[in-house]
């Protein structure tokens, strides 16, 4: 990268005058007028000679070993200036530039974010109940959920209070790694519940969502994202209309009852 003093030297050597605009700040006291005595200077060399001298200095600096704490010198400005003067060819047959001289940052590819909305409730601050969807469960679904959990020996307030988590939190944000960024956002949300007094031990998900399944990555009863024990089953709407779904849920209810009771006794 060419520094500002070097840029001004190159412009001066090529016979170009650099102008700097100056403005008076509002309500500022006017500057006192004075005359500056300019130091006597020898007659400058012709622009071409000065430019060649700067180019030679740049090449000598590039050949010297770099200092440990300093940025390695680069000869790219000098080579480019020689091409403009016609000293070196600018076509594809020109000498290749070393990798240490040119470091180009490739443009990052912007992608579409994952999109999902979750309704999150808490059972005594210990178990998280997640229902994928834009809106919280209605009255009938909330009552069904309460009946199921109470049948599993889990006392909960009726109805269970949900809060919404939506991703992405804002539109038109640049996204480079949709899955990783969504995982970080959901992880931060769950970790934030700990600062509100929650202590998540288990996650129950009623409903299916492809993006949510990728985020949490349920493997053998554990969510890899948080390292918590988890369960995922049919949604509340399906449980409300399907007797078969309710019967298949019964073994899980018995397991929840056992785990909840053991944890309660341990706290006592």
C-alpha atoms as a PDB file:
ATOM      1  CA  UNK A   1       0.000   0.000   0.000  1.00  0.00           C
ATOM      2  CA  UNK A   2       1.432   3.392  -1.028  1.00  0.00           C
ATOM      3  CA  UNK A   3       1.555   5.860   1.847  1.00  0.00           C
ATOM      4  CA  UNK A   4       0.399   9.443   1.482  1.00  0.00           C
ATOM      5  CA  UNK A   5       3.953  10.938   1.511  1.00  0.00           C
ATOM      6  CA  UNK A   6       5.041   8.498  -1.193  1.00  0.00           C
ATOM      7  CA  UNK A   7       1.984   9.343  -3.285  1.00  0.00           C
ATOM      8  CA  UNK A   8       2.736  13.058  -3.031  1.00  0.00           C
ATOM      9  CA  UNK A   9       6.369  12.426  -3.991  1.00  0.00           C
ATOM     10  CA  UNK A  10       5.321  10.486  -7.079  1.00  0.00           C
ATOM     11  CA  UNK A  11       2.901  13.240  -8.087  1.00  0.00           C
ATOM     12  CA  UNK A  12       5.536  15.897  -7.579  1.00  0.00           C
ATOM     13  CA  UNK A  13       8.100  13.899  -9.551  1.00  0.00           C
ATOM     14  CA  UNK A  14       5.677  13.588 -12.457  1.00  0.00           C
ATOM     15  CA  UNK A  15       5.086  17.333 -12.446  1.00  0.00           C
ATOM     16  CA  UNK A  16       1.576  17.161 -10.946  1.00  0.00           C
ATOM     17  CA  UNK A  17       0.559  19.623  -8.262  1.00  0.00           C
ATOM     18  CA  UNK A  18      -1.465  18.273  -5.324  1.00  0.00           C
ATOM     19  CA  UNK A  19      -4.067  20.725  -4.102  1.00  0.00           C
ATOM     20  CA  UNK A  20      -5.557  20.519  -0.612  1.00  0.00           C
ATOM     21  CA  UNK A  21      -8.897  22.196   0.051  1.00  0.00           C
ATOM     22  CA  UNK A  22      -9.132  24.156   3.278  1.00  0.00           C
ATOM     23  CA  UNK A  23     -12.328  25.376   4.932  1.00  0.00           C
ATOM     24  CA  UNK A  24     -12.992  27.570   7.920  1.00  0.00           C
ATOM     25  CA  UNK A  25     -14.983  25.829  10.637  1.00  0.00           C
ATOM     26  CA  UNK A  26     -18.349  27.416  11.547  1.00  0.00           C
ATOM     27  CA  UNK A  27     -18.058  30.028  14.329  1.00  0.00           C
ATOM     28  CA  UNK A  28     -14.287  29.543  14.419  1.00  0.00           C
ATOM     29  CA  UNK A  29     -11.956  32.488  14.966  1.00  0.00           C
ATOM     30  CA  UNK A  30     -10.367  33.558  11.664  1.00  0.00           C
ATOM     31  CA  UNK A  31      -6.774  32.558  11.241  1.00  0.00           C
ATOM     32  CA  UNK A  32      -4.258  35.342  11.579  1.00  0.00           C
ATOM     33  CA  UNK A  33      -2.779  36.377   8.290  1.00  0.00           C
ATOM     34  CA  UNK A  34       0.955  36.073   8.082  1.00  0.00           C
ATOM     35  CA  UNK A  35       3.631  35.647   5.511  1.00  0.00           C
ATOM     36  CA  UNK A  36       5.642  32.474   5.421  1.00  0.00           C
ATOM     37  CA  UNK A  37       9.243  32.639   4.440  1.00  0.00           C
ATOM     38  CA  UNK A  38       9.888  29.755   2.155  1.00  0.00           C
ATOM     39  CA  UNK A  39      13.319  28.163   2.378  1.00  0.00           C
ATOM     40  CA  UNK A  40      15.525  28.623  -0.584  1.00  0.00           C
ATOM     41  CA  UNK A  41      15.509  25.549  -2.731  1.00  0.00           C
ATOM     42  CA  UNK A  42      17.722  24.535  -5.541  1.00  0.00           C
ATOM     43  CA  UNK A  43      16.217  24.379  -8.953  1.00  0.00           C
ATOM     44  CA  UNK A  44      14.353  21.099  -9.137  1.00  0.00           C
ATOM     45  CA  UNK A  45      15.482  18.448 -11.511  1.00  0.00           C
ATOM     46  CA  UNK A  46      13.280  17.696 -14.492  1.00  0.00           C
ATOM     47  CA  UNK A  47      10.219  15.588 -13.581  1.00  0.00           C
ATOM     48  CA  UNK A  48      11.492  12.566 -15.520  1.00  0.00           C
ATOM     49  CA  UNK A  49      14.799  12.503 -13.626  1.00  0.00           C
ATOM     50  CA  UNK A  50      13.073  12.809 -10.242  1.00  0.00           C
ATOM     51  CA  UNK A  51      10.662  10.037 -11.123  1.00  0.00           C
ATOM     52  CA  UNK A  52      13.498   7.730 -12.185  1.00  0.00           C
ATOM     53  CA  UNK A  53      15.310   8.503  -8.917  1.00  0.00           C
ATOM     54  CA  UNK A  54      12.224   7.550  -6.909  1.00  0.00           C
ATOM     55  CA  UNK A  55      11.848   4.353  -8.914  1.00  0.00           C
ATOM     56  CA  UNK A  56      15.452   3.400  -8.231  1.00  0.00           C
ATOM     57  CA  UNK A  57      14.963   4.026  -4.497  1.00  0.00           C
ATOM     58  CA  UNK A  58      11.845   1.865  -4.473  1.00  0.00           C
ATOM     59  CA  UNK A  59      13.677  -1.011  -6.181  1.00  0.00           C
ATOM     60  CA  UNK A  60      16.617  -0.763  -3.746  1.00  0.00           C
ATOM     61  CA  UNK A  61      14.209  -0.854  -0.795  1.00  0.00           C
ATOM     62  CA  UNK A  62      12.440  -3.891  -2.238  1.00  0.00           C
ATOM     63  CA  UNK A  63      15.738  -5.806  -2.501  1.00  0.00           C
ATOM     64  CA  UNK A  64      16.643  -5.233   1.145  1.00  0.00           C
ATOM     65  CA  UNK A  65      15.530  -7.861   3.726  1.00  0.00           C
ATOM     66  CA  UNK A  66      12.438  -6.753   5.650  1.00  0.00           C
ATOM     67  CA  UNK A  67      12.679  -5.807   9.308  1.00  0.00           C
ATOM     68  CA  UNK A  68      10.943  -8.134  11.811  1.00  0.00           C
ATOM     69  CA  UNK A  69       8.262  -5.683  12.916  1.00  0.00           C
ATOM     70  CA  UNK A  70       7.882  -3.783   9.665  1.00  0.00           C
ATOM     71  CA  UNK A  71       5.750  -4.532   6.647  1.00  0.00           C
ATOM     72  CA  UNK A  72       7.805  -5.946   3.782  1.00  0.00           C
ATOM     73  CA  UNK A  73       8.475  -3.352   1.072  1.00  0.00           C
ATOM     74  CA  UNK A  74       6.624  -3.726  -2.153  1.00  0.00           C
ATOM     75  CA  UNK A  75       7.796  -2.819  -5.622  1.00  0.00           C
ATOM     76  CA  UNK A  76       4.400  -2.778  -7.231  1.00  0.00           C
ATOM     77  CA  UNK A  77       4.100   1.063  -7.427  1.00  0.00           C
ATOM     78  CA  UNK A  78       7.525   1.300  -9.051  1.00  0.00           C
ATOM     79  CA  UNK A  79       6.748  -1.402 -11.592  1.00  0.00           C
ATOM     80  CA  UNK A  80       3.417   0.192 -12.419  1.00  0.00           C
ATOM     81  CA  UNK A  81       5.060   3.591 -12.881  1.00  0.00           C
ATOM     82  CA  UNK A  82       7.634   2.070 -15.249  1.00  0.00           C
ATOM     83  CA  UNK A  83       4.825   0.571 -17.281  1.00  0.00           C
ATOM     84  CA  UNK A  84       3.153   3.974 -17.539  1.00  0.00           C
ATOM     85  CA  UNK A  85       6.450   5.449 -18.778  1.00  0.00           C
ATOM     86  CA  UNK A  86       6.772   2.689 -21.343  1.00  0.00           C
ATOM     87  CA  UNK A  87       9.920   1.227 -19.742  1.00  0.00           C
ATOM     88  CA  UNK A  88       8.286  -2.160 -19.013  1.00  0.00           C
ATOM     89  CA  UNK A  89       5.602  -3.881 -21.050  1.00  0.00           C
ATOM     90  CA  UNK A  90       2.101  -3.948 -19.602  1.00  0.00           C
ATOM     91  CA  UNK A  91       0.915  -7.031 -21.471  1.00  0.00           C
ATOM     92  CA  UNK A  92       0.668 -10.640 -20.280  1.00  0.00           C
ATOM     93  CA  UNK A  93       4.343 -11.245 -21.141  1.00  0.00           C
ATOM     94  CA  UNK A  94       5.534  -8.932 -18.400  1.00  0.00           C
ATOM     95  CA  UNK A  95       7.529 -10.385 -15.545  1.00  0.00           C
ATOM     96  CA  UNK A  96       5.290 -11.977 -12.922  1.00  0.00           C
ATOM     97  CA  UNK A  97       4.896 -10.224  -9.607  1.00  0.00           C
ATOM     98  CA  UNK A  98       5.807 -12.191  -6.500  1.00  0.00           C
ATOM     99  CA  UNK A  99       3.026 -13.294  -4.186  1.00  0.00           C
ATOM    100  CA  UNK A 100       4.541 -11.235  -1.389  1.00  0.00           C
ATOM    101  CA  UNK A 101       4.139  -8.091  -3.486  1.00  0.00           C
ATOM    102  CA  UNK A 102       0.462  -8.388  -4.348  1.00  0.00           C
ATOM    103  CA  UNK A 103      -2.156  -9.683  -1.953  1.00  0.00           C
ATOM    104  CA  UNK A 104      -5.633  -9.429  -3.428  1.00  0.00           C
ATOM    105  CA  UNK A 105      -8.655 -10.084  -1.249  1.00  0.00           C
ATOM    106  CA  UNK A 106     -11.201 -12.132  -3.097  1.00  0.00           C
ATOM    107  CA  UNK A 107     -14.765 -10.831  -2.905  1.00  0.00           C
ATOM    108  CA  UNK A 108     -16.831 -12.694  -0.365  1.00  0.00           C
ATOM    109  CA  UNK A 109     -19.939 -14.371  -1.644  1.00  0.00           C
ATOM    110  CA  UNK A 110     -23.115 -13.101  -0.037  1.00  0.00           C
ATOM    111  CA  UNK A 111     -25.719 -15.809   0.602  1.00  0.00           C
ATOM    112  CA  UNK A 112     -29.325 -15.992   1.717  1.00  0.00           C
ATOM    113  CA  UNK A 113     -29.798 -16.445   5.478  1.00  0.00           C
ATOM    114  CA  UNK A 114     -31.716 -19.284   7.068  1.00  0.00           C
ATOM    115  CA  UNK A 115     -35.209 -18.192   8.004  1.00  0.00           C
ATOM    116  CA  UNK A 116     -37.213 -19.618  10.897  1.00  0.00           C
ATOM    117  CA  UNK A 117     -39.352 -18.492  13.819  1.00  0.00           C
ATOM    118  CA  UNK A 118     -39.615 -20.291  17.145  1.00  0.00           C
ATOM    119  CA  UNK A 119     -41.911 -20.003  20.135  1.00  0.00           C
ATOM    120  CA  UNK A 120     -39.907 -20.731  23.296  1.00  0.00           C
ATOM    121  CA  UNK A 121     -41.334 -21.446  26.743  1.00  0.00           C
ATOM    122  CA  UNK A 122     -39.772 -22.577  29.996  1.00  0.00           C
ATOM    123  CA  UNK A 123     -40.767 -25.252  32.495  1.00  0.00           C
ATOM    124  CA  UNK A 124     -39.602 -23.895  35.857  1.00  0.00           C
ATOM    125  CA  UNK A 125     -36.577 -22.446  34.070  1.00  0.00           C
ATOM    126  CA  UNK A 126     -35.191 -25.983  33.626  1.00  0.00           C
ATOM    127  CA  UNK A 127     -36.716 -27.373  30.449  1.00  0.00           C
ATOM    128  CA  UNK A 128     -37.192 -25.428  27.242  1.00  0.00           C
ATOM    129  CA  UNK A 129     -40.333 -26.091  25.206  1.00  0.00           C
ATOM    130  CA  UNK A 130     -39.940 -25.038  21.562  1.00  0.00           C
ATOM    131  CA  UNK A 131     -42.779 -24.851  19.048  1.00  0.00           C
ATOM    132  CA  UNK A 132     -41.738 -23.863  15.489  1.00  0.00           C
ATOM    133  CA  UNK A 133     -44.104 -21.283  13.998  1.00  0.00           C
ATOM    134  CA  UNK A 134     -44.870 -17.611  13.594  1.00  0.00           C
ATOM    135  CA  UNK A 135     -47.444 -17.536  16.403  1.00  0.00           C
ATOM    136  CA  UNK A 136     -47.646 -19.056  19.863  1.00  0.00           C
ATOM    137  CA  UNK A 137     -49.966 -22.065  20.330  1.00  0.00           C
ATOM    138  CA  UNK A 138     -53.611 -21.094  20.471  1.00  0.00           C
ATOM    139  CA  UNK A 139     -55.845 -21.757  23.478  1.00  0.00           C
ATOM    140  CA  UNK A 140     -56.728 -25.325  22.533  1.00  0.00           C
ATOM    141  CA  UNK A 141     -53.140 -26.261  21.695  1.00  0.00           C
ATOM    142  CA  UNK A 142     -51.902 -24.624  24.894  1.00  0.00           C
ATOM    143  CA  UNK A 143     -54.401 -26.608  26.937  1.00  0.00           C
ATOM    144  CA  UNK A 144     -53.377 -29.819  25.189  1.00  0.00           C
ATOM    145  CA  UNK A 145     -49.731 -29.126  25.971  1.00  0.00           C
ATOM    146  CA  UNK A 146     -50.555 -28.480  29.618  1.00  0.00           C
ATOM    147  CA  UNK A 147     -52.541 -31.720  29.855  1.00  0.00           C
ATOM    148  CA  UNK A 148     -49.714 -33.730  28.288  1.00  0.00           C
ATOM    149  CA  UNK A 149     -47.057 -32.353  30.605  1.00  0.00           C
ATOM    150  CA  UNK A 150     -49.214 -32.710  33.684  1.00  0.00           C
ATOM    151  CA  UNK A 151     -49.875 -36.315  32.669  1.00  0.00           C
ATOM    152  CA  UNK A 152     -46.110 -36.714  32.702  1.00  0.00           C
ATOM    153  CA  UNK A 153     -45.943 -35.410  36.261  1.00  0.00           C
ATOM    154  CA  UNK A 154     -44.594 -31.988  35.278  1.00  0.00           C
ATOM    155  CA  UNK A 155     -46.480 -29.147  37.001  1.00  0.00           C
ATOM    156  CA  UNK A 156     -46.604 -26.071  34.772  1.00  0.00           C
ATOM    157  CA  UNK A 157     -48.561 -22.825  34.733  1.00  0.00           C
ATOM    158  CA  UNK A 158     -51.617 -22.868  32.512  1.00  0.00           C
ATOM    159  CA  UNK A 159     -51.265 -21.675  29.873  1.00  0.00           C
ATOM    160  CA  UNK A 160     -47.515 -21.827  29.297  1.00  0.00           C
ATOM    161  CA  UNK A 161     -46.051 -18.433  28.344  1.00  0.00           C
ATOM    162  CA  UNK A 162     -44.022 -18.327  25.108  1.00  0.00           C
ATOM    163  CA  UNK A 163     -41.655 -15.760  23.681  1.00  0.00           C
ATOM    164  CA  UNK A 164     -40.684 -15.442  20.028  1.00  0.00           C
ATOM    165  CA  UNK A 165     -37.237 -15.979  18.564  1.00  0.00           C
ATOM    166  CA  UNK A 166     -36.935 -15.013  14.902  1.00  0.00           C
ATOM    167  CA  UNK A 167     -33.989 -15.442  12.550  1.00  0.00           C
ATOM    168  CA  UNK A 168     -32.560 -13.397  10.962  1.00  0.00           C
ATOM    169  CA  UNK A 169     -33.110 -10.619  13.500  1.00  0.00           C
ATOM    170  CA  UNK A 170     -32.879  -7.986  10.744  1.00  0.00           C
ATOM    171  CA  UNK A 171     -33.322  -8.033   6.998  1.00  0.00           C
ATOM    172  CA  UNK A 172     -30.741  -7.063   4.380  1.00  0.00           C
ATOM    173  CA  UNK A 173     -27.763  -8.070   6.525  1.00  0.00           C
ATOM    174  CA  UNK A 174     -24.779  -9.598   4.660  1.00  0.00           C
ATOM    175  CA  UNK A 175     -24.569 -13.356   5.196  1.00  0.00           C
ATOM    176  CA  UNK A 176     -21.485 -15.434   4.422  1.00  0.00           C
ATOM    177  CA  UNK A 177     -22.136 -18.664   6.395  1.00  0.00           C
ATOM    178  CA  UNK A 178     -25.917 -19.072   6.856  1.00  0.00           C
ATOM    179  CA  UNK A 179     -25.806 -22.224   8.982  1.00  0.00           C
ATOM    180  CA  UNK A 180     -22.965 -21.113  11.263  1.00  0.00           C
ATOM    181  CA  UNK A 181     -24.414 -17.649  11.785  1.00  0.00           C
ATOM    182  CA  UNK A 182     -27.858 -19.037  12.620  1.00  0.00           C
ATOM    183  CA  UNK A 183     -26.286 -21.467  15.090  1.00  0.00           C
ATOM    184  CA  UNK A 184     -24.435 -18.644  16.786  1.00  0.00           C
ATOM    185  CA  UNK A 185     -27.630 -16.597  17.008  1.00  0.00           C
ATOM    186  CA  UNK A 186     -29.675 -19.434  18.514  1.00  0.00           C
ATOM    187  CA  UNK A 187     -26.829 -20.334  20.862  1.00  0.00           C
ATOM    188  CA  UNK A 188     -26.638 -16.718  22.044  1.00  0.00           C
ATOM    189  CA  UNK A 189     -30.415 -16.664  22.614  1.00  0.00           C
ATOM    190  CA  UNK A 190     -30.380 -19.816  24.745  1.00  0.00           C
ATOM    191  CA  UNK A 191     -27.329 -18.640  26.657  1.00  0.00           C
ATOM    192  CA  UNK A 192     -29.119 -15.356  27.257  1.00  0.00           C
ATOM    193  CA  UNK A 193     -31.882 -17.182  29.124  1.00  0.00           C
ATOM    194  CA  UNK A 194     -29.303 -18.161  31.740  1.00  0.00           C
ATOM    195  CA  UNK A 195     -28.780 -14.504  32.573  1.00  0.00           C
ATOM    196  CA  UNK A 196     -32.514 -14.283  33.244  1.00  0.00           C
ATOM    197  CA  UNK A 197     -32.359 -17.038  35.813  1.00  0.00           C
ATOM    198  CA  UNK A 198     -33.085 -20.034  33.594  1.00  0.00           C
ATOM    199  CA  UNK A 199     -30.941 -23.139  33.784  1.00  0.00           C
ATOM    200  CA  UNK A 200     -31.773 -25.197  30.654  1.00  0.00           C
ATOM    201  CA  UNK A 201     -31.298 -28.920  31.152  1.00  0.00           C
ATOM    202  CA  UNK A 202     -33.491 -30.368  28.419  1.00  0.00           C
ATOM    203  CA  UNK A 203     -35.221 -29.237  25.216  1.00  0.00           C
ATOM    204  CA  UNK A 204     -38.631 -30.482  24.055  1.00  0.00           C
ATOM    205  CA  UNK A 205     -39.605 -29.616  20.474  1.00  0.00           C
ATOM    206  CA  UNK A 206     -43.197 -30.051  19.338  1.00  0.00           C
ATOM    207  CA  UNK A 207     -43.143 -29.862  15.561  1.00  0.00           C
ATOM    208  CA  UNK A 208     -40.826 -30.232  12.594  1.00  0.00           C
ATOM    209  CA  UNK A 209     -38.652 -27.602  10.972  1.00  0.00           C
ATOM    210  CA  UNK A 210     -35.881 -28.566   8.569  1.00  0.00           C
ATOM    211  CA  UNK A 211     -33.652 -25.581   9.374  1.00  0.00           C
ATOM    212  CA  UNK A 212     -34.111 -26.043  13.115  1.00  0.00           C
ATOM    213  CA  UNK A 213     -33.155 -29.710  12.842  1.00  0.00           C
ATOM    214  CA  UNK A 214     -29.957 -28.723  11.027  1.00  0.00           C
ATOM    215  CA  UNK A 215     -29.165 -26.127  13.668  1.00  0.00           C
ATOM    216  CA  UNK A 216     -29.681 -28.250  16.773  1.00  0.00           C
ATOM    217  CA  UNK A 217     -28.487 -31.512  15.170  1.00  0.00           C
ATOM    218  CA  UNK A 218     -30.286 -34.053  17.363  1.00  0.00           C
ATOM    219  CA  UNK A 219     -28.062 -37.105  17.707  1.00  0.00           C
ATOM    220  CA  UNK A 220     -29.074 -40.011  19.990  1.00  0.00           C
ATOM    221  CA  UNK A 221     -31.148 -37.857  22.278  1.00  0.00           C
ATOM    222  CA  UNK A 222     -28.682 -34.949  22.523  1.00  0.00           C
ATOM    223  CA  UNK A 223     -28.640 -31.621  20.730  1.00  0.00           C
ATOM    224  CA  UNK A 224     -25.102 -31.006  19.540  1.00  0.00           C
ATOM    225  CA  UNK A 225     -25.560 -27.228  19.478  1.00  0.00           C
ATOM    226  CA  UNK A 226     -26.076 -26.900  23.231  1.00  0.00           C
ATOM    227  CA  UNK A 227     -25.031 -30.301  24.524  1.00  0.00           C
ATOM    228  CA  UNK A 228     -28.460 -30.711  26.136  1.00  0.00           C
ATOM    229  CA  UNK A 229     -30.697 -33.746  26.264  1.00  0.00           C
ATOM    230  CA  UNK A 230     -33.492 -33.325  23.744  1.00  0.00           C
ATOM    231  CA  UNK A 231     -36.664 -34.728  22.283  1.00  0.00           C
ATOM    232  CA  UNK A 232     -38.479 -33.861  19.086  1.00  0.00           C
ATOM    233  CA  UNK A 233     -41.923 -35.129  18.160  1.00  0.00           C
ATOM    234  CA  UNK A 234     -45.122 -34.247  16.322  1.00  0.00           C
ATOM    235  CA  UNK A 235     -46.590 -30.785  16.467  1.00  0.00           C
ATOM    236  CA  UNK A 236     -49.448 -29.822  18.739  1.00  0.00           C
ATOM    237  CA  UNK A 237     -51.906 -29.657  15.830  1.00  0.00           C
ATOM    238  CA  UNK A 238     -51.090 -33.241  14.865  1.00  0.00           C
ATOM    239  CA  UNK A 239     -51.374 -34.425  18.476  1.00  0.00           C
ATOM    240  CA  UNK A 240     -54.753 -32.725  18.785  1.00  0.00           C
ATOM    241  CA  UNK A 241     -56.281 -34.642  15.890  1.00  0.00           C
ATOM    242  CA  UNK A 242     -54.405 -37.959  16.050  1.00  0.00           C
ATOM    243  CA  UNK A 243     -55.072 -40.539  18.776  1.00  0.00           C
ATOM    244  CA  UNK A 244     -52.200 -42.627  17.414  1.00  0.00           C
ATOM    245  CA  UNK A 245     -49.755 -39.766  17.917  1.00  0.00           C
ATOM    246  CA  UNK A 246     -50.920 -39.430  21.543  1.00  0.00           C
ATOM    247  CA  UNK A 247     -50.381 -43.152  22.207  1.00  0.00           C
ATOM    248  CA  UNK A 248     -46.894 -43.040  20.694  1.00  0.00           C
ATOM    249  CA  UNK A 249     -46.075 -40.117  22.954  1.00  0.00           C
ATOM    250  CA  UNK A 250     -46.929 -42.007  26.166  1.00  0.00           C
ATOM    251  CA  UNK A 251     -43.492 -43.719  26.635  1.00  0.00           C
ATOM    252  CA  UNK A 252     -41.822 -40.319  26.367  1.00  0.00           C
ATOM    253  CA  UNK A 253     -44.185 -38.913  29.012  1.00  0.00           C
ATOM    254  CA  UNK A 254     -43.208 -41.679  31.420  1.00  0.00           C
ATOM    255  CA  UNK A 255     -39.531 -40.941  30.818  1.00  0.00           C
ATOM    256  CA  UNK A 256     -40.087 -37.224  31.409  1.00  0.00           C
ATOM    257  CA  UNK A 257     -41.890 -37.989  34.654  1.00  0.00           C
ATOM    258  CA  UNK A 258     -38.984 -40.089  35.920  1.00  0.00           C
ATOM    259  CA  UNK A 259     -36.331 -37.509  34.999  1.00  0.00           C
ATOM    260  CA  UNK A 260     -38.321 -34.592  36.399  1.00  0.00           C
ATOM    261  CA  UNK A 261     -38.955 -36.393  39.694  1.00  0.00           C
ATOM    262  CA  UNK A 262     -35.297 -37.358  40.112  1.00  0.00           C
ATOM    263  CA  UNK A 263     -34.154 -33.802  39.446  1.00  0.00           C
ATOM    264  CA  UNK A 264     -36.732 -32.393  41.882  1.00  0.00           C
ATOM    265  CA  UNK A 265     -35.656 -34.793  44.635  1.00  0.00           C
ATOM    266  CA  UNK A 266     -32.012 -33.935  44.036  1.00  0.00           C
ATOM    267  CA  UNK A 267     -32.786 -30.217  44.412  1.00  0.00           C
ATOM    268  CA  UNK A 268     -34.626 -30.854  47.670  1.00  0.00           C
END
